Amino acid sequence: MEIQAALTRFRDHDIVIVWVNRYVLSNDRQAAAYIRELENTYFCRPVVLVAPGPGKPIVYGCDDTIVEHVANTPLINLPWARYVM
């Protein structure tokens, strides 16, 4: 599996922002399970999912404060990289 992700800091904590297709966020249970898998198996850091949306990207995560921060961050400025899992 290959993903596009950015590792960044928010309030002295590392977070991982993962770019996904919009359909991944159409089911909350699936999206939450994907986040748990990424956090527990691969990154050991909080993960937020981002998908293209009308206008602004759609952001999904378990922590509302982090989600709000990511939603207001210009995503083009993040250090995106490809990760092979």
PDB file of N, CA and C in Angstrom:
ATOM      1  N   MET A   1       0.851  -1.167   0.000  1.00  0.00           N
ATOM      2  CA  MET A   1       0.000   0.000   0.000  1.00  0.00           C
ATOM      3  C   MET A   1       0.899   1.231   0.000  1.00  0.00           C
ATOM      4  N   GLU A   2       0.525   2.219  -0.786  1.00  0.00           N
ATOM      5  CA  GLU A   2       1.264   3.471  -0.857  1.00  0.00           C
ATOM      6  C   GLU A   2       0.315   4.608  -0.500  1.00  0.00           C
ATOM      7  N   ILE A   3       0.781   5.531   0.346  1.00  0.00           N
ATOM      8  CA  ILE A   3      -0.051   6.671   0.718  1.00  0.00           C
ATOM      9  C   ILE A   3       0.726   7.963   0.525  1.00  0.00           C
ATOM     10  N   GLN A   4      -0.022   9.044   0.416  1.00  0.00           N
ATOM     11  CA  GLN A   4       0.544  10.392   0.355  1.00  0.00           C
ATOM     12  C   GLN A   4       0.255  11.012   1.719  1.00  0.00           C
ATOM     13  N   ALA A   5       1.296  11.432   2.438  1.00  0.00           N
ATOM     14  CA  ALA A   5       1.106  11.951   3.788  1.00  0.00           C
ATOM     15  C   ALA A   5       2.092  13.073   4.083  1.00  0.00           C
ATOM     16  N   ALA A   6       1.730  13.864   5.087  1.00  0.00           N
ATOM     17  CA  ALA A   6       2.605  14.942   5.547  1.00  0.00           C
ATOM     18  C   ALA A   6       2.735  14.836   7.058  1.00  0.00           C
ATOM     19  N   LEU A   7       3.952  14.906   7.543  1.00  0.00           N
ATOM     20  CA  LEU A   7       4.218  14.905   8.978  1.00  0.00           C
ATOM     21  C   LEU A   7       4.455  16.351   9.381  1.00  0.00           C
ATOM     22  N   THR A   8       3.685  16.835  10.352  1.00  0.00           N
ATOM     23  CA  THR A   8       3.805  18.222  10.782  1.00  0.00           C
ATOM     24  C   THR A   8       3.612  18.305  12.289  1.00  0.00           C
ATOM     25  N   ARG A   9       3.796  19.494  12.848  1.00  0.00           N
ATOM     26  CA  ARG A   9       3.652  19.680  14.294  1.00  0.00           C
ATOM     27  C   ARG A   9       2.478  20.597  14.582  1.00  0.00           C
ATOM     28  N   PHE A  10       1.797  20.300  15.687  1.00  0.00           N
ATOM     29  CA  PHE A  10       0.707  21.140  16.175  1.00  0.00           C
ATOM     30  C   PHE A  10       0.773  21.123  17.692  1.00  0.00           C
ATOM     31  N   ARG A  11       0.984  22.284  18.283  1.00  0.00           N
ATOM     32  CA  ARG A  11       1.093  22.407  19.748  1.00  0.00           C
ATOM     33  C   ARG A  11       2.092  21.407  20.331  1.00  0.00           C
ATOM     34  N   ASP A  12       3.280  21.393  19.785  1.00  0.00           N
ATOM     35  CA  ASP A  12       4.380  20.541  20.256  1.00  0.00           C
ATOM     36  C   ASP A  12       4.133  19.041  20.098  1.00  0.00           C
ATOM     37  N   HIS A  13       3.209  18.659  19.250  1.00  0.00           N
ATOM     38  CA  HIS A  13       2.949  17.245  18.978  1.00  0.00           C
ATOM     39  C   HIS A  13       3.050  16.995  17.480  1.00  0.00           C
ATOM     40  N   ASP A  14       3.667  15.885  17.115  1.00  0.00           N
ATOM     41  CA  ASP A  14       3.706  15.489  15.710  1.00  0.00           C
ATOM     42  C   ASP A  14       2.350  14.918  15.324  1.00  0.00           C
ATOM     43  N   ILE A  15       1.864  15.302  14.158  1.00  0.00           N
ATOM     44  CA  ILE A  15       0.643  14.711  13.610  1.00  0.00           C
ATOM     45  C   ILE A  15       0.917  14.312  12.164  1.00  0.00           C
ATOM     46  N   VAL A  16       0.157  13.349  11.693  1.00  0.00           N
ATOM     47  CA  VAL A  16       0.293  12.872  10.321  1.00  0.00           C
ATOM     48  C   VAL A  16      -1.003  13.191   9.585  1.00  0.00           C
ATOM     49  N   ILE A  17      -0.869  13.846   8.446  1.00  0.00           N
ATOM     50  CA  ILE A  17      -2.015  14.166   7.603  1.00  0.00           C
ATOM     51  C   ILE A  17      -1.926  13.264   6.378  1.00  0.00           C
ATOM     52  N   VAL A  18      -2.968  12.481   6.154  1.00  0.00           N
ATOM     53  CA  VAL A  18      -2.967  11.504   5.062  1.00  0.00           C
ATOM     54  C   VAL A  18      -4.014  11.907   4.025  1.00  0.00           C
ATOM     55  N   TRP A  19      -3.578  12.022   2.768  1.00  0.00           N
ATOM     56  CA  TRP A  19      -4.470  12.351   1.660  1.00  0.00           C
ATOM     57  C   TRP A  19      -5.178  11.078   1.213  1.00  0.00           C
ATOM     58  N   VAL A  20      -6.514  11.111   1.173  1.00  0.00           N
ATOM     59  CA  VAL A  20      -7.303   9.937   0.785  1.00  0.00           C
ATOM     60  C   VAL A  20      -8.323  10.332  -0.278  1.00  0.00           C
ATOM     61  N   ASN A  21      -8.885   9.333  -0.941  1.00  0.00           N
ATOM     62  CA  ASN A  21     -10.000   9.582  -1.854  1.00  0.00           C
ATOM     63  C   ASN A  21     -11.235   9.924  -1.036  1.00  0.00           C
ATOM     64  N   ARG A  22     -12.121  10.685  -1.625  1.00  0.00           N
ATOM     65  CA  ARG A  22     -13.309  11.155  -0.906  1.00  0.00           C
ATOM     66  C   ARG A  22     -14.173  10.007  -0.379  1.00  0.00           C
ATOM     67  N   TYR A  23     -14.256   8.904  -1.115  1.00  0.00           N
ATOM     68  CA  TYR A  23     -15.112   7.787  -0.687  1.00  0.00           C
ATOM     69  C   TYR A  23     -14.661   7.194   0.648  1.00  0.00           C
ATOM     70  N   VAL A  24     -13.386   7.346   1.002  1.00  0.00           N
ATOM     71  CA  VAL A  24     -12.879   6.822   2.278  1.00  0.00           C
ATOM     72  C   VAL A  24     -13.596   7.497   3.445  1.00  0.00           C
ATOM     73  N   LEU A  25     -13.971   8.762   3.269  1.00  0.00           N
ATOM     74  CA  LEU A  25     -14.621   9.507   4.348  1.00  0.00           C
ATOM     75  C   LEU A  25     -16.141   9.383   4.318  1.00  0.00           C
ATOM     76  N   SER A  26     -16.686   8.628   3.385  1.00  0.00           N
ATOM     77  CA  SER A  26     -18.139   8.493   3.291  1.00  0.00           C
ATOM     78  C   SER A  26     -18.717   7.588   4.379  1.00  0.00           C
ATOM     79  N   ASN A  27     -17.882   6.801   5.033  1.00  0.00           N
ATOM     80  CA  ASN A  27     -18.319   5.909   6.104  1.00  0.00           C
ATOM     81  C   ASN A  27     -17.465   6.195   7.339  1.00  0.00           C
ATOM     82  N   ASP A  28     -18.081   6.773   8.369  1.00  0.00           N
ATOM     83  CA  ASP A  28     -17.340   7.163   9.574  1.00  0.00           C
ATOM     84  C   ASP A  28     -16.630   5.989  10.239  1.00  0.00           C
ATOM     85  N   ARG A  29     -17.281   4.834  10.290  1.00  0.00           N
ATOM     86  CA  ARG A  29     -16.662   3.668  10.940  1.00  0.00           C
ATOM     87  C   ARG A  29     -15.423   3.213  10.183  1.00  0.00           C
ATOM     88  N   GLN A  30     -15.517   3.197   8.855  1.00  0.00           N
ATOM     89  CA  GLN A  30     -14.362   2.803   8.043  1.00  0.00           C
ATOM     90  C   GLN A  30     -13.222   3.805   8.190  1.00  0.00           C
ATOM     91  N   ALA A  31     -13.557   5.089   8.165  1.00  0.00           N
ATOM     92  CA  ALA A  31     -12.533   6.126   8.295  1.00  0.00           C
ATOM     93  C   ALA A  31     -11.846   6.028   9.657  1.00  0.00           C
ATOM     94  N   ALA A  32     -12.630   5.818  10.722  1.00  0.00           N
ATOM     95  CA  ALA A  32     -12.054   5.688  12.065  1.00  0.00           C
ATOM     96  C   ALA A  32     -11.167   4.446  12.161  1.00  0.00           C
ATOM     97  N   ALA A  33     -11.589   3.351  11.532  1.00  0.00           N
ATOM     98  CA  ALA A  33     -10.778   2.127  11.546  1.00  0.00           C
ATOM     99  C   ALA A  33      -9.470   2.337  10.789  1.00  0.00           C
ATOM    100  N   TYR A  34      -9.521   3.059   9.680  1.00  0.00           N
ATOM    101  CA  TYR A  34      -8.317   3.350   8.900  1.00  0.00           C
ATOM    102  C   TYR A  34      -7.351   4.211   9.717  1.00  0.00           C
ATOM    103  N   ILE A  35      -7.889   5.194  10.425  1.00  0.00           N
ATOM    104  CA  ILE A  35      -7.056   6.039  11.290  1.00  0.00           C
ATOM    105  C   ILE A  35      -6.396   5.191  12.368  1.00  0.00           C
ATOM    106  N   ARG A  36      -7.167   4.329  13.027  1.00  0.00           N
ATOM    107  CA  ARG A  36      -6.599   3.468  14.076  1.00  0.00           C
ATOM    108  C   ARG A  36      -5.479   2.595  13.525  1.00  0.00           C
ATOM    109  N   GLU A  37      -5.693   2.026  12.332  1.00  0.00           N
ATOM    110  CA  GLU A  37      -4.669   1.179  11.722  1.00  0.00           C
ATOM    111  C   GLU A  37      -3.396   1.982  11.453  1.00  0.00           C
ATOM    112  N   LEU A  38      -3.544   3.162  10.885  1.00  0.00           N
ATOM    113  CA  LEU A  38      -2.373   3.993  10.590  1.00  0.00           C
ATOM    114  C   LEU A  38      -1.659   4.422  11.869  1.00  0.00           C
ATOM    115  N   GLU A  39      -2.428   4.825  12.888  1.00  0.00           N
ATOM    116  CA  GLU A  39      -1.827   5.272  14.150  1.00  0.00           C
ATOM    117  C   GLU A  39      -1.122   4.134  14.873  1.00  0.00           C
ATOM    118  N   ASN A  40      -1.773   3.004  14.973  1.00  0.00           N
ATOM    119  CA  ASN A  40      -1.237   1.906  15.781  1.00  0.00           C
ATOM    120  C   ASN A  40      -0.176   1.071  15.073  1.00  0.00           C
ATOM    121  N   THR A  41      -0.289   0.928  13.764  1.00  0.00           N
ATOM    122  CA  THR A  41       0.607   0.036  13.036  1.00  0.00           C
ATOM    123  C   THR A  41       1.777   0.754  12.384  1.00  0.00           C
ATOM    124  N   TYR A  42       1.542   1.955  11.859  1.00  0.00           N
ATOM    125  CA  TYR A  42       2.572   2.583  11.039  1.00  0.00           C
ATOM    126  C   TYR A  42       3.203   3.844  11.635  1.00  0.00           C
ATOM    127  N   PHE A  43       2.401   4.753  12.150  1.00  0.00           N
ATOM    128  CA  PHE A  43       2.942   6.059  12.518  1.00  0.00           C
ATOM    129  C   PHE A  43       3.114   6.298  14.017  1.00  0.00           C
ATOM    130  N   CYS A  44       2.309   5.673  14.860  1.00  0.00           N
ATOM    131  CA  CYS A  44       2.365   5.892  16.319  1.00  0.00           C
ATOM    132  C   CYS A  44       2.220   7.374  16.662  1.00  0.00           C
ATOM    133  N   ARG A  45       1.432   8.076  15.884  1.00  0.00           N
ATOM    134  CA  ARG A  45       1.142   9.496  16.078  1.00  0.00           C
ATOM    135  C   ARG A  45      -0.316   9.726  15.671  1.00  0.00           C
ATOM    136  N   PRO A  46      -0.921  10.830  16.136  1.00  0.00           N
ATOM    137  CA  PRO A  46      -2.281  11.134  15.691  1.00  0.00           C
ATOM    138  C   PRO A  46      -2.335  11.299  14.172  1.00  0.00           C
ATOM    139  N   VAL A  47      -3.385  10.750  13.563  1.00  0.00           N
ATOM    140  CA  VAL A  47      -3.563  10.805  12.112  1.00  0.00           C
ATOM    141  C   VAL A  47      -4.860  11.542  11.795  1.00  0.00           C
ATOM    142  N   VAL A  48      -4.794  12.396  10.783  1.00  0.00           N
ATOM    143  CA  VAL A  48      -5.956  13.101  10.259  1.00  0.00           C
ATOM    144  C   VAL A  48      -6.052  12.759   8.778  1.00  0.00           C
ATOM    145  N   LEU A  49      -7.264  12.457   8.319  1.00  0.00           N
ATOM    146  CA  LEU A  49      -7.482  12.154   6.906  1.00  0.00           C
ATOM    147  C   LEU A  49      -8.001  13.400   6.193  1.00  0.00           C
ATOM    148  N   VAL A  50      -7.509  13.630   4.988  1.00  0.00           N
ATOM    149  CA  VAL A  50      -7.926  14.777   4.185  1.00  0.00           C
ATOM    150  C   VAL A  50      -8.310  14.273   2.798  1.00  0.00           C
ATOM    151  N   ALA A  51      -9.470  14.745   2.310  1.00  0.00           N
ATOM    152  CA  ALA A  51      -9.942  14.359   0.977  1.00  0.00           C
ATOM    153  C   ALA A  51     -10.365  15.608   0.217  1.00  0.00           C
ATOM    154  N   PRO A  52     -10.300  15.560  -1.121  1.00  0.00           N
ATOM    155  CA  PRO A  52     -10.745  16.718  -1.891  1.00  0.00           C
ATOM    156  C   PRO A  52     -12.236  16.948  -1.690  1.00  0.00           C
ATOM    157  N   GLY A  53     -12.610  18.197  -1.583  1.00  0.00           N
ATOM    158  CA  GLY A  53     -14.011  18.540  -1.408  1.00  0.00           C
ATOM    159  C   GLY A  53     -14.359  19.732  -2.276  1.00  0.00           C
ATOM    160  N   PRO A  54     -15.620  20.116  -2.272  1.00  0.00           N
ATOM    161  CA  PRO A  54     -16.006  21.303  -3.040  1.00  0.00           C
ATOM    162  C   PRO A  54     -15.451  22.545  -2.338  1.00  0.00           C
ATOM    163  N   GLY A  55     -14.531  23.216  -2.962  1.00  0.00           N
ATOM    164  CA  GLY A  55     -13.891  24.365  -2.317  1.00  0.00           C
ATOM    165  C   GLY A  55     -12.745  23.910  -1.449  1.00  0.00           C
ATOM    166  N   LYS A  56     -12.993  23.816  -0.150  1.00  0.00           N
ATOM    167  CA  LYS A  56     -11.958  23.376   0.792  1.00  0.00           C
ATOM    168  C   LYS A  56     -11.954  21.855   0.905  1.00  0.00           C
ATOM    169  N   PRO A  57     -10.800  21.278   1.236  1.00  0.00           N
ATOM    170  CA  PRO A  57     -10.748  19.825   1.458  1.00  0.00           C
ATOM    171  C   PRO A  57     -11.587  19.415   2.669  1.00  0.00           C
ATOM    172  N   ILE A  58     -12.019  18.167   2.677  1.00  0.00           N
ATOM    173  CA  ILE A  58     -12.759  17.594   3.800  1.00  0.00           C
ATOM    174  C   ILE A  58     -11.735  16.978   4.743  1.00  0.00           C
ATOM    175  N   VAL A  59     -11.852  17.284   6.032  1.00  0.00           N
ATOM    176  CA  VAL A  59     -10.888  16.818   7.031  1.00  0.00           C
ATOM    177  C   VAL A  59     -11.618  15.940   8.034  1.00  0.00           C
ATOM    178  N   TYR A  60     -11.025  14.789   8.368  1.00  0.00           N
ATOM    179  CA  TYR A  60     -11.633  13.854   9.315  1.00  0.00           C
ATOM    180  C   TYR A  60     -10.574  13.362  10.282  1.00  0.00           C
ATOM    181  N   GLY A  61     -10.908  13.404  11.571  1.00  0.00           N
ATOM    182  CA  GLY A  61     -10.001  12.894  12.591  1.00  0.00           C
ATOM    183  C   GLY A  61     -10.728  12.767  13.908  1.00  0.00           C
ATOM    184  N   CYS A  62     -10.037  12.257  14.900  1.00  0.00           N
ATOM    185  CA  CYS A  62     -10.657  11.988  16.198  1.00  0.00           C
ATOM    186  C   CYS A  62     -10.586  13.174  17.151  1.00  0.00           C
ATOM    187  N   ASP A  63      -9.687  14.114  16.912  1.00  0.00           N
ATOM    188  CA  ASP A  63      -9.511  15.261  17.802  1.00  0.00           C
ATOM    189  C   ASP A  63      -9.978  16.522  17.077  1.00  0.00           C
ATOM    190  N   ASP A  64     -11.066  17.130  17.569  1.00  0.00           N
ATOM    191  CA  ASP A  64     -11.651  18.293  16.896  1.00  0.00           C
ATOM    192  C   ASP A  64     -10.690  19.469  16.786  1.00  0.00           C
ATOM    193  N   THR A  65      -9.843  19.667  17.785  1.00  0.00           N
ATOM    194  CA  THR A  65      -8.886  20.770  17.755  1.00  0.00           C
ATOM    195  C   THR A  65      -7.885  20.580  16.618  1.00  0.00           C
ATOM    196  N   ILE A  66      -7.382  19.371  16.470  1.00  0.00           N
ATOM    197  CA  ILE A  66      -6.433  19.081  15.387  1.00  0.00           C
ATOM    198  C   ILE A  66      -7.134  19.180  14.037  1.00  0.00           C
ATOM    199  N   VAL A  67      -8.351  18.662  13.936  1.00  0.00           N
ATOM    200  CA  VAL A  67      -9.107  18.723  12.684  1.00  0.00           C
ATOM    201  C   VAL A  67      -9.308  20.177  12.266  1.00  0.00           C
ATOM    202  N   GLU A  68      -9.682  21.028  13.201  1.00  0.00           N
ATOM    203  CA  GLU A  68      -9.886  22.450  12.900  1.00  0.00           C
ATOM    204  C   GLU A  68      -8.583  23.103  12.442  1.00  0.00           C
ATOM    205  N   HIS A  69      -7.488  22.773  13.113  1.00  0.00           N
ATOM    206  CA  HIS A  69      -6.182  23.315  12.726  1.00  0.00           C
ATOM    207  C   HIS A  69      -5.828  22.902  11.297  1.00  0.00           C
ATOM    208  N   VAL A  70      -5.986  21.628  10.981  1.00  0.00           N
ATOM    209  CA  VAL A  70      -5.658  21.133   9.637  1.00  0.00           C
ATOM    210  C   VAL A  70      -6.576  21.772   8.597  1.00  0.00           C
ATOM    211  N   ALA A  71      -7.856  21.940   8.929  1.00  0.00           N
ATOM    212  CA  ALA A  71      -8.808  22.539   7.993  1.00  0.00           C
ATOM    213  C   ALA A  71      -8.418  23.968   7.634  1.00  0.00           C
ATOM    214  N   ASN A  72      -7.736  24.654   8.538  1.00  0.00           N
ATOM    215  CA  ASN A  72      -7.339  26.040   8.300  1.00  0.00           C
ATOM    216  C   ASN A  72      -5.893  26.187   7.847  1.00  0.00           C
ATOM    217  N   THR A  73      -5.218  25.085   7.590  1.00  0.00           N
ATOM    218  CA  THR A  73      -3.826  25.102   7.140  1.00  0.00           C
ATOM    219  C   THR A  73      -3.783  25.001   5.616  1.00  0.00           C
ATOM    220  N   PRO A  74      -3.004  25.858   4.956  1.00  0.00           N
ATOM    221  CA  PRO A  74      -2.837  25.699   3.503  1.00  0.00           C
ATOM    222  C   PRO A  74      -2.090  24.392   3.211  1.00  0.00           C
ATOM    223  N   LEU A  75      -2.792  23.413   2.698  1.00  0.00           N
ATOM    224  CA  LEU A  75      -2.222  22.079   2.518  1.00  0.00           C
ATOM    225  C   LEU A  75      -1.055  22.057   1.541  1.00  0.00           C
ATOM    226  N   ILE A  76      -1.017  22.991   0.636  1.00  0.00           N
ATOM    227  CA  ILE A  76       0.070  23.024  -0.342  1.00  0.00           C
ATOM    228  C   ILE A  76       1.418  23.301   0.328  1.00  0.00           C
ATOM    229  N   ASN A  77       1.400  23.924   1.508  1.00  0.00           N
ATOM    230  CA  ASN A  77       2.640  24.266   2.218  1.00  0.00           C
ATOM    231  C   ASN A  77       3.199  23.126   3.059  1.00  0.00           C
ATOM    232  N   LEU A  78       2.482  22.022   3.155  1.00  0.00           N
ATOM    233  CA  LEU A  78       2.931  20.912   3.998  1.00  0.00           C
ATOM    234  C   LEU A  78       3.978  20.060   3.280  1.00  0.00           C
ATOM    235  N   PRO A  79       4.832  19.387   4.047  1.00  0.00           N
ATOM    236  CA  PRO A  79       5.890  18.551   3.454  1.00  0.00           C
ATOM    237  C   PRO A  79       5.363  17.171   3.031  1.00  0.00           C
ATOM    238  N   TRP A  80       4.643  17.115   1.929  1.00  0.00           N
ATOM    239  CA  TRP A  80       4.042  15.868   1.455  1.00  0.00           C
ATOM    240  C   TRP A  80       5.111  14.903   0.973  1.00  0.00           C
ATOM    241  N   ALA A  81       4.881  13.629   1.254  1.00  0.00           N
ATOM    242  CA  ALA A  81       5.793  12.573   0.806  1.00  0.00           C
ATOM    243  C   ALA A  81       4.980  11.303   0.567  1.00  0.00           C
ATOM    244  N   ARG A  82       5.539  10.407  -0.224  1.00  0.00           N
ATOM    245  CA  ARG A  82       4.908   9.101  -0.455  1.00  0.00           C
ATOM    246  C   ARG A  82       5.506   8.104   0.532  1.00  0.00           C
ATOM    247  N   TYR A  83       4.631   7.336   1.145  1.00  0.00           N
ATOM    248  CA  TYR A  83       5.059   6.297   2.082  1.00  0.00           C
ATOM    249  C   TYR A  83       4.565   4.960   1.560  1.00  0.00           C
ATOM    250  N   VAL A  84       5.428   3.972   1.560  1.00  0.00           N
ATOM    251  CA  VAL A  84       5.055   2.622   1.158  1.00  0.00           C
ATOM    252  C   VAL A  84       4.906   1.805   2.431  1.00  0.00           C
ATOM    253  N   MET A  85       3.742   1.216   2.592  1.00  0.00           N
ATOM    254  CA  MET A  85       3.450   0.448   3.802  1.00  0.00           C
ATOM    255  C   MET A  85       3.629  -1.023   3.537  1.00  0.00           C
TER     256      MET A  85
END
